[in-house]
Every structure is written in structure tokens, then in C-alpha cells.
PDB file of all heavy atoms in Angstrom:
ATOM      1  N   ASN A   1      11.247  16.577  -2.687  1.00  0.00           N
ATOM      2  CA  ASN A   1       9.935  16.083  -3.091  1.00  0.00           C
ATOM      3  C   ASN A   1      10.088  15.640  -4.533  1.00  0.00           C
ATOM      4  O   ASN A   1      10.725  16.336  -5.327  1.00  0.00           O
ATOM      5  CB  ASN A   1       8.881  17.183  -2.979  1.00  0.00           C
ATOM      6  CG  ASN A   1       8.643  17.601  -1.551  1.00  0.00           C
ATOM      7  OD1 ASN A   1       8.309  16.786  -0.709  1.00  0.00           O
ATOM      8  ND2 ASN A   1       8.841  18.874  -1.267  1.00  0.00           N
ATOM      9  N   VAL A   2       9.514  14.485  -4.888  1.00  0.00           N
ATOM     10  CA  VAL A   2       9.817  13.887  -6.192  1.00  0.00           C
ATOM     11  C   VAL A   2       8.577  13.622  -7.027  1.00  0.00           C
ATOM     12  O   VAL A   2       7.607  13.025  -6.555  1.00  0.00           O
ATOM     13  CB  VAL A   2      10.592  12.563  -6.015  1.00  0.00           C
ATOM     14  CG1 VAL A   2      10.912  11.936  -7.359  1.00  0.00           C
ATOM     15  CG2 VAL A   2      11.871  12.793  -5.216  1.00  0.00           C
ATOM     16  N   VAL A   3       8.661  14.077  -8.283  1.00  0.00           N
ATOM     17  CA  VAL A   3       7.693  13.718  -9.307  1.00  0.00           C
ATOM     18  C   VAL A   3       8.383  12.709 -10.209  1.00  0.00           C
ATOM     19  O   VAL A   3       9.468  12.981 -10.726  1.00  0.00           O
ATOM     20  CB  VAL A   3       7.258  14.932 -10.159  1.00  0.00           C
ATOM     21  CG1 VAL A   3       6.254  14.508 -11.219  1.00  0.00           C
ATOM     22  CG2 VAL A   3       6.714  16.050  -9.293  1.00  0.00           C
ATOM     23  N   SER A   4       7.768  11.540 -10.393  1.00  0.00           N
ATOM     24  CA  SER A   4       8.314  10.517 -11.290  1.00  0.00           C
ATOM     25  C   SER A   4       7.491  10.477 -12.556  1.00  0.00           C
ATOM     26  O   SER A   4       6.261  10.422 -12.496  1.00  0.00           O
ATOM     27  CB  SER A   4       8.282   9.143 -10.615  1.00  0.00           C
ATOM     28  OG  SER A   4       9.173   9.119  -9.529  1.00  0.00           O
ATOM     29  N   VAL A   5       8.173  10.497 -13.695  1.00  0.00           N
ATOM     30  CA  VAL A   5       7.499  10.498 -14.991  1.00  0.00           C
ATOM     31  C   VAL A   5       8.003   9.322 -15.814  1.00  0.00           C
ATOM     32  O   VAL A   5       9.214   9.114 -15.943  1.00  0.00           O
ATOM     33  CB  VAL A   5       7.765  11.815 -15.763  1.00  0.00           C
ATOM     34  CG1 VAL A   5       7.045  11.801 -17.106  1.00  0.00           C
ATOM     35  CG2 VAL A   5       7.345  13.024 -14.928  1.00  0.00           C
ATOM     36  N   ASP A   6       7.066   8.553 -16.353  1.00  0.00           N
ATOM     37  CA  ASP A   6       7.401   7.450 -17.247  1.00  0.00           C
ATOM     38  C   ASP A   6       6.181   7.195 -18.119  1.00  0.00           C
ATOM     39  O   ASP A   6       5.130   7.817 -17.922  1.00  0.00           O
ATOM     40  CB  ASP A   6       7.787   6.187 -16.462  1.00  0.00           C
ATOM     41  CG  ASP A   6       8.684   5.250 -17.268  1.00  0.00           C
ATOM     42  OD1 ASP A   6       8.191   4.608 -18.222  1.00  0.00           O
ATOM     43  OD2 ASP A   6       9.890   5.172 -16.952  1.00  0.00           O
ATOM     44  N   ILE A   7       6.313   6.286 -19.076  1.00  0.00           N
ATOM     45  CA  ILE A   7       5.172   5.947 -19.935  1.00  0.00           C
ATOM     46  C   ILE A   7       4.651   4.546 -19.644  1.00  0.00           C
ATOM     47  O   ILE A   7       3.728   4.081 -20.305  1.00  0.00           O
ATOM     48  CB  ILE A   7       5.520   6.094 -21.432  1.00  0.00           C
ATOM     49  CG1 ILE A   7       6.703   5.213 -21.803  1.00  0.00           C
ATOM     50  CG2 ILE A   7       5.803   7.548 -21.775  1.00  0.00           C
ATOM     51  CD1 ILE A   7       6.981   5.142 -23.301  1.00  0.00           C
ATOM     52  N   ALA A   8       5.221   3.881 -18.656  1.00  0.00           N
ATOM     53  CA  ALA A   8       4.810   2.522 -18.295  1.00  0.00           C
ATOM     54  C   ALA A   8       4.232   2.521 -16.880  1.00  0.00           C
ATOM     55  O   ALA A   8       4.912   2.914 -15.929  1.00  0.00           O
ATOM     56  CB  ALA A   8       5.989   1.572 -18.385  1.00  0.00           C
ATOM     57  N   ASP A   9       2.989   2.059 -16.760  1.00  0.00           N
ATOM     58  CA  ASP A   9       2.337   2.038 -15.450  1.00  0.00           C
ATOM     59  C   ASP A   9       3.087   1.186 -14.435  1.00  0.00           C
ATOM     60  O   ASP A   9       3.148   1.541 -13.257  1.00  0.00           O
ATOM     61  CB  ASP A   9       0.887   1.547 -15.579  1.00  0.00           C
ATOM     62  CG  ASP A   9      -0.023   2.584 -16.205  1.00  0.00           C
ATOM     63  OD1 ASP A   9       0.252   3.798 -16.073  1.00  0.00           O
ATOM     64  OD2 ASP A   9      -1.035   2.196 -16.832  1.00  0.00           O
ATOM     65  N   GLU A  10       3.701   0.065 -14.877  1.00  0.00           N
ATOM     66  CA  GLU A  10       4.421  -0.783 -13.921  1.00  0.00           C
ATOM     67  C   GLU A  10       5.646  -0.060 -13.356  1.00  0.00           C
ATOM     68  O   GLU A  10       6.005  -0.247 -12.189  1.00  0.00           O
ATOM     69  CB  GLU A  10       4.806  -2.140 -14.525  1.00  0.00           C
ATOM     70  CG  GLU A  10       5.744  -2.097 -15.703  1.00  0.00           C
ATOM     71  CD  GLU A  10       5.063  -1.940 -17.069  1.00  0.00           C
ATOM     72  OE1 GLU A  10       3.843  -1.700 -17.144  1.00  0.00           O
ATOM     73  OE2 GLU A  10       5.775  -2.031 -18.078  1.00  0.00           O
ATOM     74  N   LYS A  11       6.267   0.804 -14.133  1.00  0.00           N
ATOM     75  CA  LYS A  11       7.404   1.575 -13.623  1.00  0.00           C
ATOM     76  C   LYS A  11       6.926   2.665 -12.669  1.00  0.00           C
ATOM     77  O   LYS A  11       7.598   2.987 -11.691  1.00  0.00           O
ATOM     78  CB  LYS A  11       8.219   2.151 -14.769  1.00  0.00           C
ATOM     79  CG  LYS A  11       8.939   1.054 -15.530  1.00  0.00           C
ATOM     80  CD  LYS A  11       9.876   1.585 -16.557  1.00  0.00           C
ATOM     81  CE  LYS A  11      10.540   0.402 -17.258  1.00  0.00           C
ATOM     82  NZ  LYS A  11      11.587   0.803 -18.147  1.00  0.00           N
ATOM     83  N   LEU A  12       5.753   3.205 -12.930  1.00  0.00           N
ATOM     84  CA  LEU A  12       5.192   4.207 -12.016  1.00  0.00           C
ATOM     85  C   LEU A  12       4.752   3.563 -10.709  1.00  0.00           C
ATOM     86  O   LEU A  12       4.840   4.189  -9.648  1.00  0.00           O
ATOM     87  CB  LEU A  12       4.057   4.961 -12.700  1.00  0.00           C
ATOM     88  CG  LEU A  12       4.514   5.805 -13.896  1.00  0.00           C
ATOM     89  CD1 LEU A  12       3.322   6.376 -14.641  1.00  0.00           C
ATOM     90  CD2 LEU A  12       5.460   6.915 -13.446  1.00  0.00           C
ATOM     91  N   GLU A  13       4.300   2.309 -10.768  1.00  0.00           N
ATOM     92  CA  GLU A  13       3.985   1.580  -9.530  1.00  0.00           C
ATOM     93  C   GLU A  13       5.250   1.377  -8.710  1.00  0.00           C
ATOM     94  O   GLU A  13       5.241   1.539  -7.491  1.00  0.00           O
ATOM     95  CB  GLU A  13       3.320   0.229  -9.842  1.00  0.00           C
ATOM     96  CG  GLU A  13       1.871   0.348 -10.246  1.00  0.00           C
ATOM     97  CD  GLU A  13       1.006   1.033  -9.189  1.00  0.00           C
ATOM     98  OE1 GLU A  13       1.132   0.718  -7.988  1.00  0.00           O
ATOM     99  OE2 GLU A  13       0.206   1.914  -9.577  1.00  0.00           O
ATOM    100  N   LEU A  14       6.345   1.032  -9.379  1.00  0.00           N
ATOM    101  CA  LEU A  14       7.630   0.910  -8.683  1.00  0.00           C
ATOM    102  C   LEU A  14       8.010   2.248  -8.066  1.00  0.00           C
ATOM    103  O   LEU A  14       8.449   2.305  -6.911  1.00  0.00           O
ATOM    104  CB  LEU A  14       8.718   0.438  -9.654  1.00  0.00           C
ATOM    105  CG  LEU A  14      10.150   0.408  -9.103  1.00  0.00           C
ATOM    106  CD1 LEU A  14      10.271  -0.559  -7.923  1.00  0.00           C
ATOM    107  CD2 LEU A  14      11.142   0.044 -10.206  1.00  0.00           C
ATOM    108  N   ALA A  15       7.813   3.325  -8.801  1.00  0.00           N
ATOM    109  CA  ALA A  15       8.142   4.661  -8.289  1.00  0.00           C
ATOM    110  C   ALA A  15       7.352   4.975  -7.020  1.00  0.00           C
ATOM    111  O   ALA A  15       7.905   5.519  -6.058  1.00  0.00           O
ATOM    112  CB  ALA A  15       7.877   5.722  -9.364  1.00  0.00           C
ATOM    113  N   LYS A  16       6.081   4.615  -7.003  1.00  0.00           N
ATOM    114  CA  LYS A  16       5.263   4.838  -5.794  1.00  0.00           C
ATOM    115  C   LYS A  16       5.829   4.050  -4.618  1.00  0.00           C
ATOM    116  O   LYS A  16       5.939   4.575  -3.506  1.00  0.00           O
ATOM    117  CB  LYS A  16       3.815   4.423  -6.045  1.00  0.00           C
ATOM    118  CG  LYS A  16       3.052   5.364  -6.933  1.00  0.00           C
ATOM    119  CD  LYS A  16       1.638   4.850  -7.179  1.00  0.00           C
ATOM    120  CE  LYS A  16       0.940   5.682  -8.236  1.00  0.00           C
ATOM    121  NZ  LYS A  16      -0.373   5.131  -8.604  1.00  0.00           N
ATOM    122  N   LYS A  17       6.201   2.799  -4.865  1.00  0.00           N
ATOM    123  CA  LYS A  17       6.770   1.966  -3.801  1.00  0.00           C
ATOM    124  C   LYS A  17       8.083   2.540  -3.276  1.00  0.00           C
ATOM    125  O   LYS A  17       8.418   2.365  -2.107  1.00  0.00           O
ATOM    126  CB  LYS A  17       6.998   0.540  -4.303  1.00  0.00           C
ATOM    127  CG  LYS A  17       5.733  -0.248  -4.524  1.00  0.00           C
ATOM    128  CD  LYS A  17       6.035  -1.628  -5.076  1.00  0.00           C
ATOM    129  CE  LYS A  17       4.735  -2.340  -5.445  1.00  0.00           C
ATOM    130  NZ  LYS A  17       4.971  -3.597  -6.153  1.00  0.00           N
ATOM    131  N   LEU A  18       8.812   3.219  -4.152  1.00  0.00           N
ATOM    132  CA  LEU A  18      10.102   3.790  -3.757  1.00  0.00           C
ATOM    133  C   LEU A  18       9.977   5.183  -3.148  1.00  0.00           C
ATOM    134  O   LEU A  18      10.974   5.792  -2.790  1.00  0.00           O
ATOM    135  CB  LEU A  18      11.047   3.826  -4.964  1.00  0.00           C
ATOM    136  CG  LEU A  18      11.445   2.457  -5.525  1.00  0.00           C
ATOM    137  CD1 LEU A  18      12.267   2.617  -6.791  1.00  0.00           C
ATOM    138  CD2 LEU A  18      12.194   1.637  -4.486  1.00  0.00           C
ATOM    139  N   GLY A  19       8.737   5.696  -3.048  1.00  0.00           N
ATOM    140  CA  GLY A  19       8.536   6.955  -2.343  1.00  0.00           C
ATOM    141  C   GLY A  19       8.194   8.170  -3.172  1.00  0.00           C
ATOM    142  O   GLY A  19       8.171   9.289  -2.643  1.00  0.00           O
ATOM    143  N   ALA A  20       7.927   8.007  -4.477  1.00  0.00           N
ATOM    144  CA  ALA A  20       7.568   9.171  -5.294  1.00  0.00           C
ATOM    145  C   ALA A  20       6.343   9.867  -4.705  1.00  0.00           C
ATOM    146  O   ALA A  20       5.382   9.219  -4.301  1.00  0.00           O
ATOM    147  CB  ALA A  20       7.280   8.746  -6.733  1.00  0.00           C
ATOM    148  N   ASP A  21       6.388  11.178  -4.648  1.00  0.00           N
ATOM    149  CA  ASP A  21       5.269  11.959  -4.129  1.00  0.00           C
ATOM    150  C   ASP A  21       4.156  12.084  -5.167  1.00  0.00           C
ATOM    151  O   ASP A  21       2.981  12.111  -4.820  1.00  0.00           O
ATOM    152  CB  ASP A  21       5.763  13.350  -3.705  1.00  0.00           C
ATOM    153  CG  ASP A  21       6.795  13.251  -2.595  1.00  0.00           C
ATOM    154  OD1 ASP A  21       6.402  12.963  -1.456  1.00  0.00           O
ATOM    155  OD2 ASP A  21       7.995  13.436  -2.872  1.00  0.00           O
ATOM    156  N   ILE A  22       4.549  12.178  -6.422  1.00  0.00           N
ATOM    157  CA  ILE A  22       3.606  12.277  -7.537  1.00  0.00           C
ATOM    158  C   ILE A  22       4.146  11.406  -8.668  1.00  0.00           C
ATOM    159  O   ILE A  22       5.351  11.396  -8.922  1.00  0.00           O
ATOM    160  CB  ILE A  22       3.478  13.738  -8.038  1.00  0.00           C
ATOM    161  CG1 ILE A  22       2.939  14.647  -6.932  1.00  0.00           C
ATOM    162  CG2 ILE A  22       2.601  13.823  -9.291  1.00  0.00           C
ATOM    163  CD1 ILE A  22       2.982  16.133  -7.287  1.00  0.00           C
ATOM    164  N   THR A  23       3.263  10.677  -9.340  1.00  0.00           N
ATOM    165  CA  THR A  23       3.658   9.923 -10.530  1.00  0.00           C
ATOM    166  C   THR A  23       2.791  10.376 -11.696  1.00  0.00           C
ATOM    167  O   THR A  23       1.599  10.639 -11.529  1.00  0.00           O
ATOM    168  CB  THR A  23       3.503   8.398 -10.335  1.00  0.00           C
ATOM    169  OG1 THR A  23       2.152   8.097 -10.006  1.00  0.00           O
ATOM    170  CG2 THR A  23       4.420   7.884  -9.238  1.00  0.00           C
ATOM    171  N   ILE A  24       3.409  10.471 -12.861  1.00  0.00           N
ATOM    172  CA  ILE A  24       2.701  10.928 -14.054  1.00  0.00           C
ATOM    173  C   ILE A  24       3.057  10.020 -15.227  1.00  0.00           C
ATOM    174  O   ILE A  24       4.235   9.803 -15.506  1.00  0.00           O
ATOM    175  CB  ILE A  24       3.075  12.390 -14.405  1.00  0.00           C
ATOM    176  CG1 ILE A  24       2.697  13.321 -13.248  1.00  0.00           C
ATOM    177  CG2 ILE A  24       2.406  12.824 -15.710  1.00  0.00           C
ATOM    178  CD1 ILE A  24       3.212  14.742 -13.396  1.00  0.00           C
TER     179      ILE A  24
END
């Protein structure tokens, strides 16, 4: 299960597309 953390919303959108369970 993956939490993705970044400071850029566009990178967090990519993380969601790649399957991140939670983005912060």
C-alpha cells in the first residue's frame, strides 16, 4: 500500500494515476 508525498500537485496527480493509495 503506497503513500506518495510531494510538494507539487501535478506530481501527486501522476501518483494517483500510477496507483498511489494516498497522496499528500
